[in-house]
Amino acid sequence: PCFRAAFDEVDACEARAAAANGVAYERAPRFGSSTSAWDTVARFYAHFESFRSVRSFREAHGPDAARAYAAASTKERKRLE
């Protein structure tokens, strides 16, 4: 169960982001345990095998992220020229 909390938190964040952005989101199947039936385990892995986040991750970028990205991209383009 050590990873159950992590996957539950990912799912909760995804559900909140989907609701905030008006996007449909199907909750992830539970992680299960060592005694879970194979169909339970298979549903969990199938869900996360094709997982795509609905989050924008804007919170991961500081206020100057766009400017820093543009500067880095410009330097890289000039270097490649």
Protein backbone atom coordinates (compact mmCIF):
# COMPACT_ATOMS: atom_id res chain seq x y z
CA PRO A 1 0.00 0.00 0.00
CA CYS A 2 3.02 2.36 -0.01
CA PHE A 3 2.14 3.64 -3.49
CA ARG A 4 -1.63 3.73 -2.97
CA ALA A 5 -1.52 7.17 -1.37
CA ALA A 6 0.63 8.56 -4.19
CA PHE A 7 -1.72 7.31 -6.91
CA ASP A 8 -4.75 8.50 -4.93
CA GLU A 9 -3.19 11.98 -4.71
CA VAL A 10 -2.46 12.04 -8.46
CA ASP A 11 -6.05 11.05 -9.14
CA ALA A 12 -7.42 13.68 -6.74
CA CYS A 13 -5.30 16.42 -8.38
CA GLU A 14 -6.46 15.33 -11.82
CA ALA A 15 -10.11 15.34 -10.72
CA ARG A 16 -9.77 18.87 -9.26
CA ALA A 17 -8.05 20.16 -12.40
CA ALA A 18 -10.67 18.59 -14.64
CA ALA A 19 -13.48 20.15 -12.62
CA ALA A 20 -11.79 23.56 -12.64
CA ASN A 21 -11.27 23.43 -16.40
CA GLY A 22 -14.65 21.92 -17.29
CA VAL A 23 -13.01 18.77 -18.64
CA ALA A 24 -14.50 15.29 -18.25
CA TYR A 25 -12.34 13.01 -16.12
CA GLU A 26 -12.84 9.36 -15.30
CA ARG A 27 -11.46 8.53 -11.87
CA ALA A 28 -8.60 6.06 -11.84
CA PRO A 29 -9.13 2.52 -10.56
CA ARG A 30 -7.73 1.88 -7.08
CA PHE A 31 -4.17 0.61 -6.73
CA GLY A 32 -5.24 -2.62 -5.06
CA SER A 33 -3.18 -4.89 -2.84
CA SER A 34 -1.26 -8.15 -2.90
CA THR A 35 -4.57 -10.00 -2.64
CA SER A 36 -6.37 -8.12 -5.42
CA ALA A 37 -7.80 -10.13 -8.29
CA TRP A 38 -6.01 -9.87 -11.63
CA ASP A 39 -8.88 -7.94 -13.27
CA THR A 40 -8.53 -5.24 -10.59
CA VAL A 41 -4.78 -5.01 -11.16
CA ALA A 42 -5.19 -5.05 -14.95
CA ARG A 43 -7.71 -2.16 -14.86
CA PHE A 44 -5.31 -0.09 -12.76
CA TYR A 45 -2.36 -0.64 -15.09
CA ALA A 46 -4.45 -0.15 -18.23
CA HIS A 47 -5.61 3.21 -16.91
CA PHE A 48 -2.13 4.49 -16.09
CA GLU A 49 -0.50 2.96 -19.15
CA SER A 50 -2.47 5.39 -21.30
CA PHE A 51 -2.59 8.19 -18.71
CA ARG A 52 -2.50 11.79 -19.91
CA SER A 53 -2.72 14.58 -17.41
CA VAL A 54 -5.46 17.19 -17.63
CA ARG A 55 -3.38 19.56 -15.51
CA SER A 56 -1.58 22.56 -17.02
CA PHE A 57 1.23 22.51 -14.42
CA ARG A 58 1.26 26.32 -14.43
CA GLU A 59 2.13 26.17 -10.74
CA ALA A 60 5.44 24.53 -11.65
CA HIS A 61 6.57 27.65 -13.49
CA GLY A 62 7.69 30.80 -11.76
CA PRO A 63 6.57 34.21 -12.94
CA ASP A 64 9.56 34.56 -15.28
CA ALA A 65 9.36 31.06 -16.78
CA ALA A 66 8.06 32.17 -20.18
CA ARG A 67 10.78 34.81 -20.50
CA ALA A 68 13.49 32.36 -19.42
CA TYR A 69 12.19 29.75 -21.86
CA ALA A 70 12.16 32.27 -24.71
CA ALA A 71 15.69 33.42 -23.88
CA ALA A 72 16.96 29.84 -23.73
CA SER A 73 15.21 28.99 -26.99
CA THR A 74 16.69 32.05 -28.70
CA LYS A 75 20.19 31.15 -27.49
CA GLU A 76 19.73 27.57 -28.65
CA ARG A 77 18.47 28.64 -32.07
CA LYS A 78 21.41 31.02 -32.51
CA ARG A 79 23.83 28.34 -31.40
CA LEU A 80 22.43 25.90 -33.96
CA GLU A 81 22.63 28.48 -36.77
